[in-house]
Protein backbone atom coordinates (compact mmCIF):
# COMPACT_ATOMS: atom_id res chain seq x y z
CA MET A 1 6.17 39.26 -8.66
CA ASN A 2 8.20 40.48 -5.51
CA LYS A 3 5.84 40.31 -3.04
CA LEU A 4 5.04 37.07 -4.08
CA TRP A 5 8.40 36.28 -3.22
CA LEU A 6 8.17 37.37 -0.11
CA ILE A 7 5.24 35.84 0.91
CA VAL A 8 6.86 32.24 -0.63
CA ARG A 9 9.89 32.80 1.12
CA ARG A 10 8.03 33.83 4.10
CA GLU A 11 6.03 30.34 4.60
CA TYR A 12 8.71 28.37 3.66
CA LEU A 13 10.68 29.55 6.51
CA THR A 14 8.27 29.69 8.92
CA ARG A 15 7.11 25.61 7.74
CA VAL A 16 10.36 24.59 7.62
CA ARG A 17 11.82 26.32 10.93
CA THR A 18 8.60 24.63 13.23
CA ARG A 19 9.92 22.23 15.91
CA ALA A 20 6.85 19.57 14.22
CA PHE A 21 8.19 19.99 10.83
CA LEU A 22 11.82 19.08 12.25
CA LEU A 23 10.34 15.93 14.26
CA GLY A 24 8.00 15.24 11.50
CA THR A 25 10.31 15.13 9.04
CA LEU A 26 13.37 12.88 11.31
CA LEU A 27 11.02 10.49 12.98
CA THR A 28 8.98 9.92 9.85
CA PRO A 29 11.69 7.29 8.39
CA LEU A 30 12.42 6.13 11.46
CA ALA A 31 8.84 5.35 12.25
CA PHE A 32 8.41 3.88 8.93
CA GLY A 33 12.07 1.35 9.28
CA ALA A 34 10.77 0.74 12.13
CA PHE A 35 7.74 -0.90 10.81
CA PHE A 36 9.18 -3.04 8.33
CA ALA A 37 11.69 -4.52 10.77
CA ILE A 38 9.03 -4.94 13.10
CA GLN A 39 7.61 -6.93 10.64
CA ALA A 40 10.35 -9.06 9.03
CA LEU A 41 11.15 -9.59 12.33
CA MET A 42 7.62 -11.16 12.61
CA MET A 43 7.59 -13.05 9.03
CA SER A 44 10.62 -14.87 9.90
CA TYR A 45 9.51 -15.42 13.62
CA LYS A 46 9.01 -19.74 14.33
CA GLY A 47 5.78 -20.21 17.09
CA THR A 48 7.29 -21.66 20.02
CA GLU A 49 3.83 -23.77 20.12
CA LYS A 50 4.37 -27.64 21.32
CA ARG A 51 2.35 -29.69 20.46
CA SER A 52 2.11 -33.94 20.46
CA ILE A 53 -1.10 -35.17 18.40
CA VAL A 54 -1.35 -38.92 18.19
CA VAL A 55 -1.93 -40.08 15.27
CA TYR A 56 -5.41 -42.38 15.27
CA ASP A 57 -5.27 -44.48 11.82
CA GLU A 58 -8.73 -45.78 10.66
CA ALA A 59 -8.46 -45.81 7.04
CA GLY A 60 -4.60 -47.18 6.85
CA VAL A 61 -2.95 -43.89 5.08
CA ILE A 62 -0.24 -43.16 7.93
CA ARG A 63 0.72 -47.23 8.01
CA ALA A 64 1.29 -47.75 4.60
CA GLY A 65 4.12 -45.27 4.32
CA SER A 66 6.67 -44.13 6.68
CA GLY A 67 5.21 -41.62 9.31
CA ILE A 68 4.43 -37.91 9.03
CA PRO A 69 7.31 -36.20 9.44
CA ASP A 70 8.02 -33.30 12.75
CA GLU A 71 7.48 -30.08 11.76
CA ASP A 72 8.02 -26.93 13.47
CA GLY A 73 7.84 -27.98 17.06
CA LEU A 74 4.70 -30.24 15.77
CA HIS A 75 5.55 -33.95 16.38
CA PHE A 76 3.42 -36.61 15.50
CA SER A 77 2.97 -40.71 16.60
CA LEU A 78 1.35 -43.32 15.31
CA ALA A 79 -1.24 -45.07 17.30
CA PRO A 80 0.07 -48.22 18.22
CA MET A 81 -1.90 -51.47 16.53
CA GLY A 82 -5.37 -52.07 18.50
CA SER A 83 -5.51 -48.96 20.10
CA GLU A 84 -9.12 -47.85 20.88
CA LEU A 85 -10.11 -43.76 19.92
CA GLU A 86 -11.48 -43.33 23.57
CA ARG A 87 -8.75 -44.81 26.00
CA LEU A 88 -6.64 -42.37 23.18
CA LYS A 89 -8.99 -38.82 24.14
CA GLU A 90 -8.44 -39.94 27.90
CA ASP A 91 -4.52 -40.61 27.12
CA VAL A 92 -4.71 -36.49 26.16
CA ARG A 93 -7.04 -35.79 29.36
CA ASN A 94 -4.01 -37.26 31.38
CA LYS A 95 -1.83 -35.01 29.36
CA LYS A 96 0.39 -37.92 27.46
CA TYR A 97 -0.29 -35.79 23.64
CA ASP A 98 -2.72 -33.04 23.19
CA GLY A 99 -4.84 -33.98 20.96
CA VAL A 100 -5.99 -37.42 18.70
CA LEU A 101 -6.25 -37.16 15.07
CA ARG A 102 -8.28 -39.60 13.31
CA LEU A 103 -8.53 -40.22 9.78
CA PRO A 104 -11.42 -42.05 8.89
CA PRO A 105 -11.59 -44.70 5.77
CA LEU A 106 -11.72 -43.59 2.31
CA ALA A 107 -14.70 -43.73 0.73
CA ASN A 108 -12.28 -44.49 -2.60
CA LEU A 109 -10.08 -43.61 -4.21
CA SER A 110 -10.92 -40.62 -6.52
CA VAL A 111 -12.24 -38.90 -3.18
CA LYS A 112 -11.57 -35.03 -4.02
CA LYS A 113 -12.32 -34.25 -0.26
CA GLN A 114 -11.88 -35.43 2.92
CA THR A 115 -12.50 -34.96 6.58
CA VAL A 116 -9.91 -35.70 9.16
CA TYR A 117 -11.08 -35.14 13.21
CA LEU A 118 -8.59 -33.74 15.68
CA TYR A 119 -9.90 -34.09 18.97
CA SER A 120 -8.02 -32.00 21.82
CA ASP A 121 -9.56 -29.36 24.73
CA ALA A 122 -6.22 -27.63 23.21
CA ALA A 123 -6.88 -24.41 21.21
CA PHE A 124 -4.24 -24.74 18.08
CA SER A 125 -3.45 -22.19 15.87
CA PRO A 126 -4.03 -21.24 11.95
CA GLU A 127 -0.32 -22.04 11.92
CA THR A 128 -0.74 -25.31 13.49
CA GLU A 129 -4.02 -26.31 12.07
CA GLY A 130 -2.32 -25.98 8.27
CA VAL A 131 0.55 -27.83 8.64
CA ILE A 132 -2.22 -31.16 10.17
CA LYS A 133 -3.77 -30.08 6.88
CA ARG A 134 -0.88 -30.21 4.36
CA ARG A 135 0.61 -33.36 5.83
CA ILE A 136 -2.29 -35.15 6.33
CA ALA A 137 -2.94 -34.58 1.92
CA ALA A 138 0.51 -35.48 1.55
CA LYS A 139 -0.39 -38.57 2.93
CA ILE A 140 -3.25 -39.12 1.25
CA LYS A 141 -2.16 -39.03 -2.15
CA ASP A 142 0.90 -40.76 -1.72
CA PHE A 143 -1.51 -43.53 -0.70
CA LYS A 144 -3.70 -43.46 -3.63
CA ILE A 145 -0.88 -43.38 -5.54
CA ASP A 146 0.64 -46.08 -4.47
CA SER A 147 -2.84 -48.32 -4.32
CA LEU A 148 -2.91 -47.01 -8.07
CA GLY A 149 -0.07 -49.11 -8.37
CA LEU A 150 1.64 -45.60 -10.06
CA ASP A 151 5.08 -44.97 -10.91
CA ARG A 152 5.62 -41.52 -8.75
CA LYS A 153 9.08 -40.70 -10.71
CA SER A 154 6.86 -40.17 -13.92
CA LEU A 155 4.08 -38.76 -11.63
CA SER A 156 6.98 -36.01 -10.84
CA GLU A 157 7.88 -35.49 -13.48
CA LEU A 158 4.68 -33.85 -15.23
CA GLU A 159 5.13 -31.41 -12.45
CA THR A 160 6.26 -28.09 -14.41
CA GLU A 161 7.21 -24.57 -13.06
CA VAL A 162 6.58 -21.76 -15.45
CA SER A 163 8.14 -18.74 -15.85
CA LEU A 164 6.53 -15.52 -17.42
CA ASP A 165 8.88 -13.34 -18.96
CA PRO A 166 7.19 -10.31 -21.63
CA GLU A 167 9.29 -9.18 -24.41
CA PRO A 168 8.41 -5.80 -26.24
CA ILE A 169 7.91 -7.03 -30.10
CA ASP A 170 10.78 -4.33 -31.39
CA GLN A 171 14.09 -5.39 -29.46
CA ALA A 172 15.16 -1.51 -30.05
CA ASP A 173 11.99 -0.96 -27.51
CA ASP A 174 13.57 -2.26 -24.94
CA GLN A 175 15.20 0.22 -22.13
CA GLY A 176 17.09 -2.01 -19.41
CA GLY A 177 14.51 -4.98 -19.64
CA SER A 178 10.65 -5.76 -19.61
CA LEU A 179 9.20 -4.96 -16.43
CA THR A 180 7.72 -7.62 -14.87
CA SER A 181 4.39 -8.25 -13.14
CA GLY A 182 5.60 -8.02 -9.36
CA VAL A 183 7.83 -5.29 -9.80
CA ALA A 184 5.20 -3.21 -11.31
CA MET A 185 2.87 -3.19 -8.42
CA GLY A 186 5.13 -2.91 -6.53
CA ILE A 187 6.31 0.68 -8.27
CA SER A 188 2.08 0.99 -8.87
CA PHE A 189 1.27 0.35 -4.94
CA PHE A 190 4.04 3.47 -3.82
CA MET A 191 3.67 5.85 -6.45
CA GLY A 192 -0.14 5.65 -5.77
CA ILE A 193 -0.16 6.01 -2.25
CA ALA A 194 2.40 9.19 -1.45
CA MET A 195 0.76 10.99 -4.27
CA TYR A 196 -2.07 10.22 -1.74
CA MET A 197 -0.51 11.30 1.09
CA LEU A 198 1.40 14.10 -0.23
CA VAL A 199 -1.40 15.41 -1.87
CA LEU A 200 -3.88 15.37 1.18
CA ILE A 201 -1.53 16.59 3.93
CA TRP A 202 0.00 18.91 2.25
CA GLY A 203 -3.63 20.00 0.91
CA SER A 204 -4.61 20.41 4.85
CA ILE A 205 -1.77 21.90 5.74
CA VAL A 206 -2.74 25.07 3.47
CA MET A 207 -5.74 25.25 4.60
CA ARG A 208 -4.80 25.30 7.99
CA SER A 209 -2.05 27.76 7.79
CA VAL A 210 -4.68 29.60 5.95
CA MET A 211 -7.12 29.09 8.86
CA GLU A 212 -4.51 30.54 11.60
CA GLU A 213 -3.51 33.67 10.16
CA LYS A 214 -7.38 34.39 9.58
CA THR A 215 -8.06 33.48 13.09
CA ASN A 216 -5.25 35.35 14.70
CA ARG A 217 -5.78 38.49 12.43
CA ILE A 218 -2.52 38.67 10.50
CA VAL A 219 -4.11 38.18 7.05
CA GLU A 220 -5.85 41.99 7.27
CA VAL A 221 -1.75 43.23 8.62
CA ILE A 222 -0.56 41.49 5.68
CA MET A 223 -3.64 42.33 2.88
CA SER A 224 -2.91 46.29 3.30
CA SER A 225 0.20 45.23 0.58
CA VAL A 226 -0.28 42.23 -1.54
CA LYS A 227 -4.28 41.10 -3.23
CA PRO A 228 -5.22 38.17 -1.69
CA PHE A 229 -5.04 36.04 -4.89
CA GLU A 230 -1.32 36.21 -4.10
CA LEU A 231 -1.14 35.75 -0.58
CA MET A 232 -2.89 32.80 -1.54
CA LEU A 233 -0.62 31.71 -4.25
CA GLY A 234 2.68 32.21 -2.49
CA LYS A 235 1.03 29.76 0.15
CA ILE A 236 0.37 27.42 -2.19
CA ILE A 237 3.76 27.44 -3.75
CA GLY A 238 5.42 27.95 0.10
CA SER A 239 4.08 24.79 1.67
CA ALA A 240 4.98 22.89 -2.07
CA GLY A 241 8.37 24.05 -1.50
CA VAL A 242 8.01 22.85 1.84
CA GLY A 243 6.77 19.14 0.31
CA MET A 244 9.30 18.71 -1.95
CA THR A 245 12.12 19.29 0.54
CA GLN A 246 10.43 17.33 3.63
CA LEU A 247 10.10 14.56 0.42
CA ILE A 248 14.01 14.67 -0.09
CA ILE A 249 15.02 14.21 3.30
CA TRP A 250 12.15 11.41 3.35
CA VAL A 251 13.77 9.24 0.53
CA VAL A 252 17.83 10.12 1.65
CA LEU A 253 17.04 8.86 4.99
CA ASN A 254 14.60 5.98 4.01
CA THR A 255 16.94 4.58 1.87
CA PHE A 256 19.92 5.07 4.35
CA ILE A 257 17.49 3.16 6.77
CA PHE A 258 16.37 0.27 4.94
CA PHE A 259 20.21 -0.42 3.86
CA GLY A 260 21.51 -0.51 7.58
CA ILE A 261 18.35 -2.80 9.12
CA GLN A 262 19.49 -5.63 6.01
CA LEU A 263 22.94 -5.00 6.31
CA PHE A 264 23.72 -5.07 9.95
CA LEU A 265 20.70 -6.70 11.77
CA GLY A 266 20.49 -8.87 8.74
CA ILE A 267 16.88 -8.81 7.92
CA ASP A 268 15.28 -8.45 4.65
CA THR A 269 13.13 -5.96 4.47
CA SER A 270 11.95 -6.43 1.01
CA SER A 271 10.03 -9.07 1.71
CA ALA A 272 8.11 -7.14 4.58
CA ALA A 273 7.35 -4.22 1.54
CA VAL A 274 6.44 -6.89 -0.93
CA THR A 275 4.07 -8.42 2.58
CA SER A 276 2.27 -5.42 3.63
CA GLN A 277 0.79 -4.96 -0.37
CA ALA A 278 -2.12 -7.69 0.39
CA GLY A 279 -3.48 -9.34 -2.74
CA MET A 280 0.20 -8.51 -4.76
CA GLY A 281 0.49 -12.71 -5.63
CA ALA A 282 3.05 -12.08 -8.10
CA ALA A 283 5.19 -9.69 -6.71
CA THR A 284 5.24 -12.51 -3.46
CA GLU A 285 6.87 -14.99 -5.59
CA MET A 286 9.16 -12.98 -6.36
CA GLN A 287 10.28 -12.51 -2.34
CA ASP A 288 12.59 -15.72 -3.01
CA SER A 289 14.70 -13.93 -5.16
CA LEU A 290 15.96 -11.08 -4.05
CA PRO A 291 19.05 -10.59 -6.42
CA ALA A 292 17.13 -10.79 -9.29
CA LEU A 293 14.53 -8.55 -7.86
CA ILE A 294 17.00 -6.05 -7.64
CA GLU A 295 18.25 -6.00 -10.38
CA GLU A 296 14.87 -5.54 -11.95
CA ILE A 297 14.08 -2.86 -10.11
CA MET A 298 17.23 -0.39 -10.90
CA ARG A 299 17.08 -1.31 -14.88
CA GLN A 300 13.37 0.72 -14.83
CA ASN A 301 13.55 4.05 -16.74
CA TRP A 302 13.75 6.06 -12.90
CA TRP A 303 14.12 9.31 -14.36
CA TYR A 304 10.40 8.91 -16.80
CA ILE A 305 8.78 7.52 -13.57
CA LEU A 306 10.22 10.09 -11.46
CA VAL A 307 10.50 13.45 -13.13
CA VAL A 308 6.85 12.36 -15.00
CA GLY A 309 5.58 11.11 -11.30
CA LEU A 310 6.68 15.04 -10.26
CA ILE A 311 4.67 16.91 -12.53
CA PHE A 312 1.85 14.98 -12.03
CA PHE A 313 2.35 15.09 -8.24
CA LEU A 314 2.47 19.33 -8.67
CA GLY A 315 -0.38 19.16 -10.59
CA GLY A 316 -2.86 17.55 -8.10
CA TYR A 317 -1.31 19.29 -5.04
CA PHE A 318 -1.84 23.31 -7.31
CA LEU A 319 -5.37 22.00 -8.27
CA TYR A 320 -5.92 20.38 -4.20
CA ALA A 321 -4.23 22.76 -2.32
CA SER A 322 -5.90 25.62 -4.33
CA MET A 323 -9.46 24.14 -3.09
CA PHE A 324 -8.10 23.32 0.42
CA ALA A 325 -6.95 27.68 0.58
CA ALA A 326 -10.23 28.73 -0.25
CA VAL A 327 -12.00 26.67 2.25
CA GLY A 328 -9.23 27.85 5.01
CA SER A 329 -10.53 31.44 4.01
CA ALA A 330 -13.98 30.90 3.79
CA VAL A 331 -14.20 29.62 7.74
CA GLY A 332 -12.37 30.62 10.86
CA ASP A 333 -11.25 28.23 14.31
CA ASP A 334 -14.51 25.87 13.75
CA MET A 335 -13.23 22.79 13.02
CA GLY A 336 -16.57 21.00 12.80
CA GLU A 337 -17.34 23.56 9.87
CA SER A 338 -13.98 23.12 7.69
CA GLN A 339 -14.99 19.11 7.66
CA SER A 340 -18.51 19.88 6.52
CA LEU A 341 -16.40 22.52 3.48
CA THR A 342 -13.56 19.96 2.65
CA PHE A 343 -15.91 16.69 2.62
CA PRO A 344 -16.61 17.40 -0.99
CA ILE A 345 -12.63 17.66 -2.05
CA MET A 346 -11.92 14.33 0.05
CA ILE A 347 -14.78 12.49 -1.99
CA PRO A 348 -12.52 12.84 -5.73
CA ILE A 349 -9.45 11.53 -3.86
CA ILE A 350 -10.80 8.96 -2.41
CA LEU A 351 -12.44 7.78 -5.89
CA ALA A 352 -8.94 8.39 -7.06
CA PHE A 353 -7.05 5.93 -4.18
CA VAL A 354 -10.04 3.32 -4.27
CA ILE A 355 -9.69 2.85 -7.66
CA MET A 356 -5.80 2.93 -7.92
CA THR A 357 -5.41 0.15 -5.76
CA SER A 358 -8.76 -2.28 -7.02
CA VAL A 359 -8.85 -1.31 -10.73
CA VAL A 360 -5.06 -0.48 -11.84
CA MET A 361 -3.31 -3.08 -10.41
CA ARG A 362 -5.09 -5.26 -11.36
CA ALA A 363 -5.86 -4.02 -15.00
CA PRO A 364 -3.77 -1.22 -15.80
CA HIS A 365 -5.06 -1.02 -19.72
CA SER A 366 -8.73 -1.01 -18.93
CA THR A 367 -11.35 1.65 -19.98
CA LEU A 368 -12.14 2.61 -16.31
CA ALA A 369 -8.44 2.92 -15.68
CA ILE A 370 -8.11 5.11 -18.99
CA ILE A 371 -10.34 7.07 -18.36
CA ALA A 372 -9.33 7.99 -14.53
CA SER A 373 -6.23 8.80 -15.35
CA ILE A 374 -6.84 11.30 -17.16
CA PHE A 375 -9.75 13.17 -15.66
CA PRO A 376 -7.85 16.04 -13.67
CA LEU A 377 -9.39 15.31 -9.97
CA PHE A 378 -8.46 10.93 -10.14
CA SER A 379 -4.49 11.67 -13.00
CA PRO A 380 -2.44 12.87 -9.86
CA ILE A 381 -2.80 9.75 -8.32
CA VAL A 382 -4.16 7.33 -11.08
CA MET A 383 -2.03 8.01 -13.63
CA PRO A 384 1.21 7.67 -11.63
CA GLY A 385 0.37 4.17 -10.62
CA ARG A 386 0.02 3.10 -14.10
CA LEU A 387 3.46 4.54 -14.76
CA ALA A 388 4.89 1.49 -14.13
CA PHE A 389 2.98 -0.33 -16.30
CA ASP A 390 4.12 1.64 -19.80
CA PRO A 391 0.71 3.26 -20.49
CA PRO A 392 1.07 4.86 -24.00
CA VAL A 393 3.02 8.49 -24.35
CA TRP A 394 -0.14 9.74 -25.60
CA GLN A 395 -2.00 9.37 -22.82
CA VAL A 396 0.80 10.90 -20.26
CA ILE A 397 0.43 13.63 -22.34
CA LEU A 398 -3.01 14.53 -22.69
CA SER A 399 -3.20 13.74 -18.57
CA ILE A 400 -0.77 16.25 -18.34
CA VAL A 401 -2.32 19.30 -20.47
CA VAL A 402 -5.39 18.42 -18.97
CA LEU A 403 -4.51 18.25 -15.42
CA ILE A 404 -1.99 21.58 -15.81
CA GLY A 405 -4.91 23.58 -17.38
CA SER A 406 -7.35 21.94 -14.68
CA ALA A 407 -5.01 23.09 -12.15
CA VAL A 408 -4.97 26.81 -13.50
CA PHE A 409 -8.43 26.80 -13.45
CA PHE A 410 -9.20 25.61 -9.85
CA VAL A 411 -6.66 28.01 -8.75
CA TRP A 412 -8.13 30.98 -10.74
CA LEU A 413 -11.93 30.05 -9.07
CA SER A 414 -10.78 29.67 -5.69
CA GLY A 415 -9.04 33.10 -5.51
CA ARG A 416 -12.07 33.98 -6.31
CA ILE A 417 -13.62 32.83 -2.67
CA TYR A 418 -10.64 33.85 -1.72
CA ARG A 419 -10.79 37.24 -1.86
CA VAL A 420 -14.14 37.07 -0.32
CA GLY A 421 -14.38 34.72 1.96
CA ILE A 422 -10.35 35.84 3.41
CA LEU A 423 -11.56 39.65 5.43
CA MET A 424 -15.02 37.86 5.98
CA TYR A 425 -15.55 37.30 10.39
CA GLY A 426 -18.78 35.89 12.11
CA LYS A 427 -21.22 34.45 9.49
CA LYS A 428 -21.28 30.32 8.54
CA VAL A 429 -20.69 29.61 5.75
CA THR A 430 -22.24 27.10 3.07
CA ILE A 431 -21.50 25.43 -0.67
CA ARG A 432 -24.32 27.90 -1.67
CA GLU A 433 -22.25 30.85 0.09
CA LEU A 434 -19.00 29.56 -1.65
CA GLY A 435 -20.57 29.53 -5.17
CA LYS A 436 -22.05 33.10 -4.79
CA TRP A 437 -19.05 34.83 -4.19
CA LEU A 438 -17.65 33.16 -7.25
CA PHE A 439 -19.32 36.18 -9.14
CA TYR A 440 -19.15 39.05 -6.61
CA ARG A 441 -17.31 42.33 -7.56
């Protein structure tokens, strides 16, 4: 045990004292902060595109109303009575207008799809085209209401905005408020991608560390005083300590950076974070109510989510890092050879991330999500993504037990490969060859 501790200490101190660790630990939060700040600025940026459009109203839709209001540099003007379309096009060529918008007559008042025509040699941005379509659609709606003699006030009273507030059957089980779908999606996405990155990055670091020591022949000196399994386990534990240290520093620095961006620059980073999670419509709706969103986030049982998430990270890390260490011991400095051997390890990691983003975030209690959150090669990524949706406790416990048992098994299995491969040089290794090493005595 004393030798194991010495290996862990050496691996930890060697890693945390490197310039790459210090720069990565300090610069990564700054890079994330800059990314969200730039994205928030881009979202709040209003385009400077100024366009003047003359409306040729053949349908009488605009003339019957009060014109079209301007929006974001887009100016609408109604063509005078008796104007000809060709004359208006000539005005566009002479730069009097940027475009002519022709509204053909409506076939009938029940038409649900109407095509309008924009004549211009200038390219209009998608945002500007969207404004034009919204404005014309609103004017056609008003025209239909007036033509049918409907009461505009009565119609507006028919529209009802519905909000959904999930409540538990047993109020005693409400641990500070129910978890809305938007907040659950955000937490699920963050937990899932964090697990994906940490397991993948630090597993690869263990492999590179083993490869470096084998290539430099340092391992031959170390192996004279320790057993191969102790060396492998020490490197895995030491790298885990480095990863946890880096993760804690990232959390602290990111917290200060995000609050600093909001306080000193007046940028709402929450809107950027929510928008970056594509497909999360429920979360996007919460952008307009930031105080309620923050309150809902703070009311969650974070001790449970973080502690259980940490267990899954450690279990997944030991499981995958042991396999990466085995691959690192089997190859030398040939990165091409290592990539062919790590590909089978990467497949379940990628599949787990795909399941988390495409299945868990849409149907967290589906059969596929439950099976994937218990299967040990998927659970380190999938189950943390389900934690925000409050899965049954028995599923979480079963997943933890299976993961821990599988991690112990894979560490032992990888140790069988490591003890043979770490002192073998000059031989091209295949997956079939690795299988034979498991039974060597």
